[in-house]
Amino acid sequence: MCLNIDIMEIPESCVVVISDGKAKLRELPPHGEYKIVTHQGKVKRMRRETGEEF
């Protein structure tokens, strides 16, 4: 398999997660966290937690 990503067409800040033959691209929040939960060596969940500057 081959993964081709055109960096001119994706968000400026993003993450690509590859697990079990699948790839997912997610845009990163301006302020916050992106948690990747794994189970037995595979990605189980991707959770976005946003915040704001005080």
Protein backbone atom coordinates (compact mmCIF):
# COMPACT_ATOMS: atom_id res chain seq x y z
CA MET A 1 0.00 0.00 0.00
CA CYS A 2 1.05 3.58 -0.58
CA LEU A 3 -0.05 6.83 1.07
CA ASN A 4 0.29 10.03 -0.94
CA ILE A 5 -0.46 13.34 0.77
CA ASP A 6 -0.44 16.63 -1.09
CA ILE A 7 0.90 19.05 1.53
CA MET A 8 -0.52 22.00 -0.41
CA GLU A 9 -4.10 20.76 0.16
CA ILE A 10 -4.05 19.79 3.85
CA PRO A 11 -4.51 22.03 6.91
CA GLU A 12 -1.46 23.97 8.08
CA SER A 13 -1.34 22.08 11.40
CA CYS A 14 -2.49 18.50 11.29
CA VAL A 15 -1.58 14.96 12.28
CA VAL A 16 -1.69 11.75 10.27
CA VAL A 17 -2.26 8.58 12.29
CA ILE A 18 -1.70 5.18 10.70
CA SER A 19 -2.98 2.02 12.39
CA ASP A 20 -3.99 -1.41 11.15
CA GLY A 21 -3.74 -0.44 7.48
CA LYS A 22 -5.89 2.68 7.86
CA ALA A 23 -4.77 6.32 7.80
CA LYS A 24 -6.64 9.27 9.27
CA LEU A 25 -5.77 12.94 8.97
CA ARG A 26 -7.03 15.33 11.63
CA GLU A 27 -6.63 19.09 11.87
CA LEU A 28 -5.07 20.22 15.16
CA PRO A 29 -7.00 22.72 17.29
CA PRO A 30 -5.51 26.23 17.76
CA HIS A 31 -5.44 25.65 21.53
CA GLY A 32 -5.91 22.26 23.09
CA GLU A 33 -4.84 18.65 22.89
CA TYR A 34 -5.39 15.70 20.60
CA LYS A 35 -5.20 12.43 22.51
CA ILE A 36 -4.61 9.15 20.74
CA VAL A 37 -5.75 6.14 22.77
CA THR A 38 -4.27 2.76 21.87
CA HIS A 39 -5.21 -0.79 22.82
CA GLN A 40 -3.05 -3.82 22.05
CA GLY A 41 -0.86 -1.80 19.68
CA LYS A 42 -3.73 -0.40 17.62
CA VAL A 43 -5.37 3.02 17.68
CA LYS A 44 -8.66 2.71 19.52
CA ARG A 45 -9.77 6.34 19.73
CA MET A 46 -8.72 9.87 18.79
CA ARG A 47 -10.05 12.50 21.17
CA ARG A 48 -9.92 16.26 20.64
CA GLU A 49 -9.87 18.50 23.72
CA THR A 50 -9.99 22.20 22.95
CA GLY A 51 -9.42 25.19 25.15
CA GLU A 52 -9.00 28.90 24.93
CA GLU A 53 -6.42 31.42 26.04
CA PHE A 54 -7.22 33.29 29.23
